[in-house]
Each structure stands twice: as structure tokens, then as C-alpha cells.
PDB file of N, CA and C in Angstrom:
ATOM      1  N   MET A   1      21.216   0.028  36.604  1.00  0.00           N
ATOM      2  CA  MET A   1      22.729  -0.532  35.840  1.00  0.00           C
ATOM      3  C   MET A   1      22.512  -1.710  37.492  1.00  0.00           C
ATOM      4  N   SER A   2      22.996  -2.975  37.040  1.00  0.00           N
ATOM      5  CA  SER A   2      23.207  -4.219  37.761  1.00  0.00           C
ATOM      6  C   SER A   2      24.173  -4.179  39.043  1.00  0.00           C
ATOM      7  N   TYR A   3      23.901  -4.219  40.587  1.00  0.00           N
ATOM      8  CA  TYR A   3      24.853  -4.084  41.618  1.00  0.00           C
ATOM      9  C   TYR A   3      25.805  -5.311  41.265  1.00  0.00           C
ATOM     10  N   TYR A   4      25.509  -5.855  40.558  1.00  0.00           N
ATOM     11  CA  TYR A   4      26.608  -6.630  40.018  1.00  0.00           C
ATOM     12  C   TYR A   4      27.310  -7.449  38.654  1.00  0.00           C
ATOM     13  N   LYS A   5      27.702  -7.097  38.661  1.00  0.00           N
ATOM     14  CA  LYS A   5      28.845  -7.129  36.921  1.00  0.00           C
ATOM     15  C   LYS A   5      28.494  -8.636  36.487  1.00  0.00           C
ATOM     16  N   HIS A   6      28.182  -9.502  36.994  1.00  0.00           N
ATOM     17  CA  HIS A   6      27.985 -10.616  36.992  1.00  0.00           C
ATOM     18  C   HIS A   6      27.105 -11.509  37.977  1.00  0.00           C
ATOM     19  N   HIS A   7      26.338 -12.307  37.598  1.00  0.00           N
ATOM     20  CA  HIS A   7      25.200 -12.649  38.906  1.00  0.00           C
ATOM     21  C   HIS A   7      25.595 -14.026  38.117  1.00  0.00           C
ATOM     22  N   VAL A   8      25.899 -14.873  38.362  1.00  0.00           N
ATOM     23  CA  VAL A   8      25.948 -16.723  38.524  1.00  0.00           C
ATOM     24  C   VAL A   8      24.904 -16.871  39.284  1.00  0.00           C
ATOM     25  N   PHE A   9      23.856 -18.074  39.469  1.00  0.00           N
ATOM     26  CA  PHE A   9      23.399 -18.739  40.166  1.00  0.00           C
ATOM     27  C   PHE A   9      23.225 -20.686  39.087  1.00  0.00           C
ATOM     28  N   PHE A  10      23.472 -20.846  40.200  1.00  0.00           N
ATOM     29  CA  PHE A  10      24.097 -22.502  40.535  1.00  0.00           C
ATOM     30  C   PHE A  10      22.565 -22.817  41.153  1.00  0.00           C
ATOM     31  N   CYS A  11      21.904 -23.948  39.936  1.00  0.00           N
ATOM     32  CA  CYS A  11      21.071 -24.459  40.133  1.00  0.00           C
ATOM     33  C   CYS A  11      21.285 -26.055  41.579  1.00  0.00           C
ATOM     34  N   LEU A  12      20.687 -25.424  42.638  1.00  0.00           N
ATOM     35  CA  LEU A  12      20.628 -27.046  42.471  1.00  0.00           C
ATOM     36  C   LEU A  12      19.832 -27.353  43.177  1.00  0.00           C
ATOM     37  N   ASN A  13      18.801 -28.040  42.732  1.00  0.00           N
ATOM     38  CA  ASN A  13      17.448 -28.495  42.492  1.00  0.00           C
ATOM     39  C   ASN A  13      17.745 -29.925  43.121  1.00  0.00           C
ATOM     40  N   LYS A  14      17.065 -30.840  43.266  1.00  0.00           N
ATOM     41  CA  LYS A  14      17.239 -32.576  43.940  1.00  0.00           C
ATOM     42  C   LYS A  14      15.930 -32.538  43.945  1.00  0.00           C
ATOM     43  N   ARG A  15      15.764 -33.952  43.423  1.00  0.00           N
ATOM     44  CA  ARG A  15      14.234 -34.652  42.739  1.00  0.00           C
ATOM     45  C   ARG A  15      15.013 -36.380  43.199  1.00  0.00           C
ATOM     46  N   ASP A  16      14.056 -37.017  43.140  1.00  0.00           N
ATOM     47  CA  ASP A  16      13.863 -37.603  43.306  1.00  0.00           C
ATOM     48  C   ASP A  16      14.466 -39.414  42.069  1.00  0.00           C
ATOM     49  N   ALA A  17      15.247 -39.966  41.911  1.00  0.00           N
ATOM     50  CA  ALA A  17      15.538 -40.668  40.868  1.00  0.00           C
ATOM     51  C   ALA A  17      14.836 -41.776  40.254  1.00  0.00           C
ATOM     52  N   PRO A  18      14.193 -42.003  38.945  1.00  0.00           N
ATOM     53  CA  PRO A  18      15.085 -41.375  37.935  1.00  0.00           C
ATOM     54  C   PRO A  18      15.120 -40.334  37.411  1.00  0.00           C
ATOM     55  N   GLU A  19      14.169 -39.189  37.813  1.00  0.00           N
ATOM     56  CA  GLU A  19      14.026 -37.897  37.354  1.00  0.00           C
ATOM     57  C   GLU A  19      15.738 -37.422  37.421  1.00  0.00           C
ATOM     58  N   ALA A  20      15.973 -36.284  36.478  1.00  0.00           N
ATOM     59  CA  ALA A  20      17.581 -35.552  36.605  1.00  0.00           C
ATOM     60  C   ALA A  20      17.029 -34.476  37.397  1.00  0.00           C
ATOM     61  N   CYS A  21      17.790 -34.242  37.903  1.00  0.00           N
ATOM     62  CA  CYS A  21      18.929 -33.241  39.007  1.00  0.00           C
ATOM     63  C   CYS A  21      20.144 -33.249  38.896  1.00  0.00           C
ATOM     64  N   CYS A  22      19.735 -31.325  39.143  1.00  0.00           N
ATOM     65  CA  CYS A  22      21.779 -31.298  39.461  1.00  0.00           C
ATOM     66  C   CYS A  22      22.289 -31.430  40.249  1.00  0.00           C
ATOM     67  N   ALA A  23      21.885 -31.718  41.175  1.00  0.00           N
ATOM     68  CA  ALA A  23      22.126 -31.939  42.099  1.00  0.00           C
ATOM     69  C   ALA A  23      23.311 -33.008  42.572  1.00  0.00           C
ATOM     70  N   CYS A  24      22.919 -33.978  41.267  1.00  0.00           N
ATOM     71  CA  CYS A  24      23.333 -35.774  41.407  1.00  0.00           C
ATOM     72  C   CYS A  24      24.332 -35.495  40.981  1.00  0.00           C
ATOM     73  N   HIS A  25      24.936 -34.064  39.966  1.00  0.00           N
ATOM     74  CA  HIS A  25      26.123 -34.248  39.653  1.00  0.00           C
ATOM     75  C   HIS A  25      27.565 -32.819  40.812  1.00  0.00           C
ATOM     76  N   ASP A  26      27.155 -32.503  41.506  1.00  0.00           N
ATOM     77  CA  ASP A  26      27.647 -32.538  42.586  1.00  0.00           C
ATOM     78  C   ASP A  26      27.126 -30.970  42.386  1.00  0.00           C
ATOM     79  N   ALA A  27      25.967 -30.281  42.250  1.00  0.00           N
ATOM     80  CA  ALA A  27      25.539 -28.671  42.399  1.00  0.00           C
ATOM     81  C   ALA A  27      26.620 -27.854  43.203  1.00  0.00           C
ATOM     82  N   GLU A  28      25.919 -28.037  44.465  1.00  0.00           N
ATOM     83  CA  GLU A  28      27.037 -27.954  45.863  1.00  0.00           C
ATOM     84  C   GLU A  28      28.301 -27.277  45.635  1.00  0.00           C
ATOM     85  N   GLY A  29      28.511 -28.599  45.050  1.00  0.00           N
ATOM     86  CA  GLY A  29      30.590 -28.813  45.220  1.00  0.00           C
ATOM     87  C   GLY A  29      30.732 -28.104  44.512  1.00  0.00           C
ATOM     88  N   MET A  30      29.826 -27.509  43.327  1.00  0.00           N
ATOM     89  CA  MET A  30      30.907 -26.931  42.406  1.00  0.00           C
ATOM     90  C   MET A  30      30.406 -25.913  42.287  1.00  0.00           C
ATOM     91  N   ARG A  31      29.591 -25.123  43.130  1.00  0.00           N
ATOM     92  CA  ARG A  31      29.310 -24.056  43.168  1.00  0.00           C
ATOM     93  C   ARG A  31      30.229 -22.949  44.936  1.00  0.00           C
ATOM     94  N   GLU A  32      30.363 -24.306  45.869  1.00  0.00           N
ATOM     95  CA  GLU A  32      31.389 -23.997  46.424  1.00  0.00           C
ATOM     96  C   GLU A  32      32.562 -23.696  46.266  1.00  0.00           C
ATOM     97  N   TYR A  33      32.835 -24.399  44.957  1.00  0.00           N
ATOM     98  CA  TYR A  33      34.440 -23.881  44.707  1.00  0.00           C
ATOM     99  C   TYR A  33      33.844 -23.255  43.308  1.00  0.00           C
ATOM    100  N   ALA A  34      33.698 -22.809  43.148  1.00  0.00           N
ATOM    101  CA  ALA A  34      32.411 -21.069  41.901  1.00  0.00           C
ATOM    102  C   ALA A  34      33.289 -19.821  43.114  1.00  0.00           C
ATOM    103  N   LYS A  35      32.613 -20.452  43.845  1.00  0.00           N
ATOM    104  CA  LYS A  35      32.304 -18.939  45.397  1.00  0.00           C
ATOM    105  C   LYS A  35      33.854 -18.672  45.308  1.00  0.00           C
ATOM    106  N   LYS A  36      34.648 -20.079  45.653  1.00  0.00           N
ATOM    107  CA  LYS A  36      36.142 -19.911  45.995  1.00  0.00           C
ATOM    108  C   LYS A  36      37.224 -19.689  45.198  1.00  0.00           C
ATOM    109  N   ARG A  37      37.105 -19.707  44.571  1.00  0.00           N
ATOM    110  CA  ARG A  37      37.951 -19.052  44.041  1.00  0.00           C
ATOM    111  C   ARG A  37      37.819 -17.735  42.878  1.00  0.00           C
ATOM    112  N   VAL A  38      35.846 -17.637  42.591  1.00  0.00           N
ATOM    113  CA  VAL A  38      36.378 -15.475  42.427  1.00  0.00           C
ATOM    114  C   VAL A  38      36.333 -15.050  43.446  1.00  0.00           C
ATOM    115  N   LYS A  39      36.668 -15.209  45.071  1.00  0.00           N
ATOM    116  CA  LYS A  39      37.303 -14.247  46.011  1.00  0.00           C
ATOM    117  C   LYS A  39      38.524 -15.065  46.242  1.00  0.00           C
ATOM    118  N   GLU A  40      38.365 -15.481  45.663  1.00  0.00           N
ATOM    119  CA  GLU A  40      40.486 -15.687  45.818  1.00  0.00           C
ATOM    120  C   GLU A  40      40.774 -15.185  44.676  1.00  0.00           C
ATOM    121  N   LEU A  41      40.486 -14.973  43.566  1.00  0.00           N
ATOM    122  CA  LEU A  41      40.514 -13.536  42.244  1.00  0.00           C
ATOM    123  C   LEU A  41      39.950 -12.590  42.919  1.00  0.00           C
ATOM    124  N   LYS A  42      40.149 -12.280  43.666  1.00  0.00           N
ATOM    125  CA  LYS A  42      38.997 -11.066  44.447  1.00  0.00           C
ATOM    126  C   LYS A  42      38.362 -10.471  43.508  1.00  0.00           C
ATOM    127  N   LEU A  43      37.444 -11.429  43.091  1.00  0.00           N
ATOM    128  CA  LEU A  43      36.154 -10.847  42.093  1.00  0.00           C
ATOM    129  C   LEU A  43      35.411 -10.329  42.809  1.00  0.00           C
ATOM    130  N   SER A  44      34.294 -11.268  44.004  1.00  0.00           N
ATOM    131  CA  SER A  44      33.633 -11.051  44.602  1.00  0.00           C
ATOM    132  C   SER A  44      32.850  -9.302  45.849  1.00  0.00           C
ATOM    133  N   GLY A  45      32.170  -9.587  44.735  1.00  0.00           N
ATOM    134  CA  GLY A  45      31.770  -8.177  45.789  1.00  0.00           C
ATOM    135  C   GLY A  45      30.447  -7.149  45.351  1.00  0.00           C
ATOM    136  N   PRO A  46      30.625  -6.206  45.449  1.00  0.00           N
ATOM    137  CA  PRO A  46      29.573  -5.387  44.727  1.00  0.00           C
ATOM    138  C   PRO A  46      29.976  -4.907  43.515  1.00  0.00           C
ATOM    139  N   GLY A  47      29.674  -4.891  42.980  1.00  0.00           N
ATOM    140  CA  GLY A  47      29.711  -4.126  40.990  1.00  0.00           C
ATOM    141  C   GLY A  47      30.792  -5.313  40.746  1.00  0.00           C
ATOM    142  N   GLN A  48      31.609  -6.377  41.282  1.00  0.00           N
ATOM    143  CA  GLN A  48      31.940  -7.771  40.341  1.00  0.00           C
ATOM    144  C   GLN A  48      30.643  -8.440  40.167  1.00  0.00           C
ATOM    145  N   VAL A  49      31.561  -9.858  41.021  1.00  0.00           N
ATOM    146  CA  VAL A  49      30.367 -11.457  40.556  1.00  0.00           C
ATOM    147  C   VAL A  49      30.045 -11.388  41.763  1.00  0.00           C
ATOM    148  N   ARG A  50      28.788 -12.393  42.183  1.00  0.00           N
ATOM    149  CA  ARG A  50      28.391 -12.984  42.703  1.00  0.00           C
ATOM    150  C   ARG A  50      27.950 -14.017  42.291  1.00  0.00           C
ATOM    151  N   ILE A  51      27.757 -15.236  43.449  1.00  0.00           N
ATOM    152  CA  ILE A  51      27.907 -16.728  43.177  1.00  0.00           C
ATOM    153  C   ILE A  51      26.823 -16.900  43.315  1.00  0.00           C
ATOM    154  N   ASN A  52      25.577 -17.591  44.216  1.00  0.00           N
ATOM    155  CA  ASN A  52      24.202 -18.198  44.722  1.00  0.00           C
ATOM    156  C   ASN A  52      24.147 -19.828  44.029  1.00  0.00           C
ATOM    157  N   ALA A  53      23.240 -19.659  45.652  1.00  0.00           N
ATOM    158  CA  ALA A  53      22.794 -21.631  45.307  1.00  0.00           C
ATOM    159  C   ALA A  53      21.291 -20.681  44.785  1.00  0.00           C
ATOM    160  N   SER A  54      20.931 -21.399  44.178  1.00  0.00           N
ATOM    161  CA  SER A  54      19.190 -21.550  43.478  1.00  0.00           C
ATOM    162  C   SER A  54      17.866 -22.701  43.328  1.00  0.00           C
ATOM    163  N   GLY A  55      17.063 -21.988  43.099  1.00  0.00           N
ATOM    164  CA  GLY A  55      16.110 -23.812  43.364  1.00  0.00           C
ATOM    165  C   GLY A  55      15.798 -24.010  41.734  1.00  0.00           C
ATOM    166  N   CYS A  56      15.546 -24.839  41.395  1.00  0.00           N
ATOM    167  CA  CYS A  56      14.975 -25.779  40.428  1.00  0.00           C
ATOM    168  C   CYS A  56      14.907 -23.931  39.567  1.00  0.00           C
ATOM    169  N   LEU A  57      16.039 -24.722  37.885  1.00  0.00           N
ATOM    170  CA  LEU A  57      15.840 -23.430  37.391  1.00  0.00           C
ATOM    171  C   LEU A  57      15.089 -23.830  35.544  1.00  0.00           C
ATOM    172  N   ASP A  58      14.032 -25.138  35.879  1.00  0.00           N
ATOM    173  CA  ASP A  58      13.216 -25.686  34.976  1.00  0.00           C
ATOM    174  C   ASP A  58      14.114 -26.373  33.531  1.00  0.00           C
ATOM    175  N   ARG A  59      15.372 -27.074  33.840  1.00  0.00           N
ATOM    176  CA  ARG A  59      16.438 -27.519  32.023  1.00  0.00           C
ATOM    177  C   ARG A  59      16.803 -28.279  32.645  1.00  0.00           C
ATOM    178  N   CYS A  60      16.546 -29.504  33.699  1.00  0.00           N
ATOM    179  CA  CYS A  60      16.893 -30.182  34.735  1.00  0.00           C
ATOM    180  C   CYS A  60      17.270 -31.246  33.642  1.00  0.00           C
ATOM    181  N   GLU A  61      17.037 -31.534  32.327  1.00  0.00           N
ATOM    182  CA  GLU A  61      17.625 -32.331  31.078  1.00  0.00           C
ATOM    183  C   GLU A  61      18.618 -31.650  30.401  1.00  0.00           C
ATOM    184  N   GLU A  62      19.317 -30.344  30.195  1.00  0.00           N
ATOM    185  CA  GLU A  62      20.278 -30.040  30.332  1.00  0.00           C
ATOM    186  C   GLU A  62      21.991 -29.723  31.099  1.00  0.00           C
ATOM    187  N   GLY A  63      21.253 -30.566  32.758  1.00  0.00           N
ATOM    188  CA  GLY A  63      22.275 -30.136  33.341  1.00  0.00           C
ATOM    189  C   GLY A  63      23.307 -30.782  33.438  1.00  0.00           C
ATOM    190  N   PRO A  64      24.300 -30.556  34.814  1.00  0.00           N
ATOM    191  CA  PRO A  64      23.440 -30.188  35.621  1.00  0.00           C
ATOM    192  C   PRO A  64      24.214 -28.259  35.663  1.00  0.00           C
ATOM    193  N   VAL A  65      23.069 -27.288  36.151  1.00  0.00           N
ATOM    194  CA  VAL A  65      23.050 -26.056  35.505  1.00  0.00           C
ATOM    195  C   VAL A  65      23.511 -24.818  35.748  1.00  0.00           C
ATOM    196  N   ILE A  66      24.260 -23.807  35.038  1.00  0.00           N
ATOM    197  CA  ILE A  66      24.409 -22.911  36.050  1.00  0.00           C
ATOM    198  C   ILE A  66      23.784 -21.740  34.614  1.00  0.00           C
ATOM    199  N   VAL A  67      23.187 -20.204  35.469  1.00  0.00           N
ATOM    200  CA  VAL A  67      22.634 -19.068  34.432  1.00  0.00           C
ATOM    201  C   VAL A  67      23.390 -17.752  34.631  1.00  0.00           C
ATOM    202  N   VAL A  68      24.244 -16.932  34.054  1.00  0.00           N
ATOM    203  CA  VAL A  68      25.168 -15.512  33.588  1.00  0.00           C
ATOM    204  C   VAL A  68      24.188 -14.701  33.776  1.00  0.00           C
ATOM    205  N   TYR A  69      23.644 -13.850  34.914  1.00  0.00           N
ATOM    206  CA  TYR A  69      22.670 -12.705  34.435  1.00  0.00           C
ATOM    207  C   TYR A  69      24.126 -11.380  34.978  1.00  0.00           C
ATOM    208  N   PRO A  70      23.889 -10.293  34.393  1.00  0.00           N
ATOM    209  CA  PRO A  70      22.912  -9.437  32.816  1.00  0.00           C
ATOM    210  C   PRO A  70      22.699 -10.713  31.328  1.00  0.00           C
ATOM    211  N   GLU A  71      23.963 -10.935  31.305  1.00  0.00           N
ATOM    212  CA  GLU A  71      23.613 -11.263  30.357  1.00  0.00           C
ATOM    213  C   GLU A  71      23.015 -12.471  29.887  1.00  0.00           C
ATOM    214  N   GLU A  72      22.129 -12.923  30.702  1.00  0.00           N
ATOM    215  CA  GLU A  72      21.652 -14.201  30.454  1.00  0.00           C
ATOM    216  C   GLU A  72      22.027 -15.734  29.989  1.00  0.00           C
ATOM    217  N   VAL A  73      23.224 -16.226  30.245  1.00  0.00           N
ATOM    218  CA  VAL A  73      23.351 -17.060  29.339  1.00  0.00           C
ATOM    219  C   VAL A  73      23.399 -18.437  30.458  1.00  0.00           C
ATOM    220  N   TRP A  74      23.326 -19.366  29.737  1.00  0.00           N
ATOM    221  CA  TRP A  74      22.862 -20.809  30.292  1.00  0.00           C
ATOM    222  C   TRP A  74      23.743 -21.893  30.348  1.00  0.00           C
ATOM    223  N   TYR A  75      25.024 -21.608  30.670  1.00  0.00           N
ATOM    224  CA  TYR A  75      25.686 -23.370  31.313  1.00  0.00           C
ATOM    225  C   TYR A  75      25.579 -24.664  31.536  1.00  0.00           C
ATOM    226  N   THR A  76      25.616 -25.633  31.023  1.00  0.00           N
ATOM    227  CA  THR A  76      26.614 -26.715  31.501  1.00  0.00           C
ATOM    228  C   THR A  76      27.398 -26.618  31.856  1.00  0.00           C
ATOM    229  N   TYR A  77      28.423 -27.671  32.538  1.00  0.00           N
ATOM    230  CA  TYR A  77      29.388 -28.176  33.405  1.00  0.00           C
ATOM    231  C   TYR A  77      29.692 -29.555  33.704  1.00  0.00           C
ATOM    232  N   VAL A  78      30.548 -30.225  33.717  1.00  0.00           N
ATOM    233  CA  VAL A  78      30.870 -31.548  34.152  1.00  0.00           C
ATOM    234  C   VAL A  78      32.191 -31.520  35.099  1.00  0.00           C
ATOM    235  N   ASP A  79      33.611 -30.561  35.445  1.00  0.00           N
ATOM    236  CA  ASP A  79      33.703 -30.716  36.444  1.00  0.00           C
ATOM    237  C   ASP A  79      34.092 -29.285  36.653  1.00  0.00           C
ATOM    238  N   LYS A  80      35.707 -29.159  37.477  1.00  0.00           N
ATOM    239  CA  LYS A  80      35.544 -28.325  38.224  1.00  0.00           C
ATOM    240  C   LYS A  80      36.728 -27.766  36.919  1.00  0.00           C
ATOM    241  N   SER A  81      37.009 -28.006  36.301  1.00  0.00           N
ATOM    242  CA  SER A  81      38.421 -27.059  34.711  1.00  0.00           C
ATOM    243  C   SER A  81      36.985 -26.373  34.263  1.00  0.00           C
ATOM    244  N   ASP A  82      35.575 -27.135  33.962  1.00  0.00           N
ATOM    245  CA  ASP A  82      35.051 -26.381  33.093  1.00  0.00           C
ATOM    246  C   ASP A  82      33.983 -25.189  33.899  1.00  0.00           C
ATOM    247  N   ILE A  83      33.897 -25.256  34.999  1.00  0.00           N
ATOM    248  CA  ILE A  83      34.107 -23.965  35.941  1.00  0.00           C
ATOM    249  C   ILE A  83      35.196 -22.728  36.237  1.00  0.00           C
ATOM    250  N   ASP A  84      35.940 -23.171  36.184  1.00  0.00           N
ATOM    251  CA  ASP A  84      37.283 -22.418  35.703  1.00  0.00           C
ATOM    252  C   ASP A  84      37.225 -21.409  34.461  1.00  0.00           C
ATOM    253  N   GLU A  85      36.642 -22.477  33.190  1.00  0.00           N
ATOM    254  CA  GLU A  85      36.758 -21.641  32.157  1.00  0.00           C
ATOM    255  C   GLU A  85      35.987 -21.406  32.451  1.00  0.00           C
ATOM    256  N   ILE A  86      34.388 -20.936  32.721  1.00  0.00           N
ATOM    257  CA  ILE A  86      33.223 -20.206  32.499  1.00  0.00           C
ATOM    258  C   ILE A  86      33.701 -18.819  34.051  1.00  0.00           C
ATOM    259  N   ILE A  87      34.787 -18.889  34.825  1.00  0.00           N
ATOM    260  CA  ILE A  87      34.969 -17.290  35.710  1.00  0.00           C
ATOM    261  C   ILE A  87      36.540 -17.107  34.832  1.00  0.00           C
ATOM    262  N   ASP A  88      36.916 -18.046  34.414  1.00  0.00           N
ATOM    263  CA  ASP A  88      38.445 -17.196  33.587  1.00  0.00           C
ATOM    264  C   ASP A  88      37.664 -16.554  31.938  1.00  0.00           C
ATOM    265  N   GLU A  89      36.562 -16.930  31.787  1.00  0.00           N
ATOM    266  CA  GLU A  89      36.821 -16.920  30.047  1.00  0.00           C
ATOM    267  C   GLU A  89      35.605 -16.029  29.887  1.00  0.00           C
ATOM    268  N   HIS A  90      34.247 -15.899  30.991  1.00  0.00           N
ATOM    269  CA  HIS A  90      33.015 -15.733  30.740  1.00  0.00           C
ATOM    270  C   HIS A  90      32.907 -13.936  31.642  1.00  0.00           C
ATOM    271  N   LEU A  91      33.264 -13.673  33.163  1.00  0.00           N
ATOM    272  CA  LEU A  91      33.285 -13.703  34.097  1.00  0.00           C
ATOM    273  C   LEU A  91      34.373 -12.425  34.080  1.00  0.00           C
ATOM    274  N   VAL A  92      36.287 -13.248  33.618  1.00  0.00           N
ATOM    275  CA  VAL A  92      37.017 -12.329  33.794  1.00  0.00           C
ATOM    276  C   VAL A  92      37.311 -11.483  32.626  1.00  0.00           C
ATOM    277  N   LYS A  93      37.076 -11.876  31.408  1.00  0.00           N
ATOM    278  CA  LYS A  93      37.198 -11.531  29.985  1.00  0.00           C
ATOM    279  C   LYS A  93      36.554 -10.731  29.221  1.00  0.00           C
ATOM    280  N   GLY A  94      34.876 -12.060  29.833  1.00  0.00           N
ATOM    281  CA  GLY A  94      33.138 -11.798  28.824  1.00  0.00           C
ATOM    282  C   GLY A  94      33.576 -12.026  27.713  1.00  0.00           C
ATOM    283  N   ARG A  95      34.079 -13.118  27.945  1.00  0.00           N
ATOM    284  CA  ARG A  95      33.645 -14.441  26.955  1.00  0.00           C
ATOM    285  C   ARG A  95      32.791 -14.975  27.302  1.00  0.00           C
ATOM    286  N   VAL A  96      31.821 -15.296  25.891  1.00  0.00           N
ATOM    287  CA  VAL A  96      30.941 -16.487  26.625  1.00  0.00           C
ATOM    288  C   VAL A  96      31.419 -18.420  25.402  1.00  0.00           C
ATOM    289  N   VAL A  97      31.551 -18.784  26.478  1.00  0.00           N
ATOM    290  CA  VAL A  97      31.820 -20.708  26.347  1.00  0.00           C
ATOM    291  C   VAL A  97      31.217 -21.049  26.033  1.00  0.00           C
ATOM    292  N   GLU A  98      31.297 -21.483  24.867  1.00  0.00           N
ATOM    293  CA  GLU A  98      30.442 -21.477  23.155  1.00  0.00           C
ATOM    294  C   GLU A  98      30.368 -22.985  23.445  1.00  0.00           C
ATOM    295  N   ARG A  99      31.356 -23.753  24.337  1.00  0.00           N
ATOM    296  CA  ARG A  99      31.049 -25.079  23.960  1.00  0.00           C
ATOM    297  C   ARG A  99      30.209 -25.856  25.511  1.00  0.00           C
ATOM    298  N   LEU A 100      30.219 -24.526  26.436  1.00  0.00           N
ATOM    299  CA  LEU A 100      28.849 -25.116  27.438  1.00  0.00           C
ATOM    300  C   LEU A 100      27.915 -24.903  27.011  1.00  0.00           C
ATOM    301  N   ARG A 101      28.085 -23.517  26.704  1.00  0.00           N
ATOM    302  CA  ARG A 101      26.560 -22.739  26.198  1.00  0.00           C
ATOM    303  C   ARG A 101      24.792 -24.162  25.963  1.00  0.00           C
ATOM    304  N   ILE A 102      24.368 -23.354  26.474  1.00  0.00           N
ATOM    305  CA  ILE A 102      23.121 -23.965  26.650  1.00  0.00           C
ATOM    306  C   ILE A 102      21.932 -23.551  26.318  1.00  0.00           C
TER     307      ILE A 102
END
């Protein structure tokens, strides 16, 4: 059994222009937003959800990217509403958000 029900990794890798990178899409801000929202919903902690920073996840051209374990579901996102949808649908209701899946 996993220590967390869902372990979410946000790629925060920064590359020099013109290389694609998640950091250029405010990945750190989106991770902070997700972390705060998960805490507000009282979903954080052992047996629940953990939001983590990650180095390069090697999917730069599809980014920004996050991956949710243990399901191994990869997502991209544009803004906070996408993050909200991933939290509400995947982390709370257990439904993969197909429109954001990569």
C-alpha cells in the first residue's frame, strides 16, 4: 500500500531559451496553488495527497507537466482552473481528466 493515496509531482525544471521548459509556464506558482488548495480541502497528509516539486520529467515539449502516482497519469495544464479540475476530478473523485491527459 502506498504511503499517499495520490502523490503529485510538478516539473519545475528551468532550461535556457529557446528550449521548452515547465518553469517558463509558472510551474512553481501552480505547484504552490495546488499545495494550498489541497490543504484547504483537508486532503493533505499520510494516506491522502502529497504535492511535490520535481526536476525534469523529460516531457518538455508537452509541458508544463505533472504526474499523479500511483496511477501514473500524466497531465498538462494552462492555468489554475486546470489545476482545480485535476484536484476536483482526479484527486477527489478518482476520475482521470482526459482533456488534460498526455
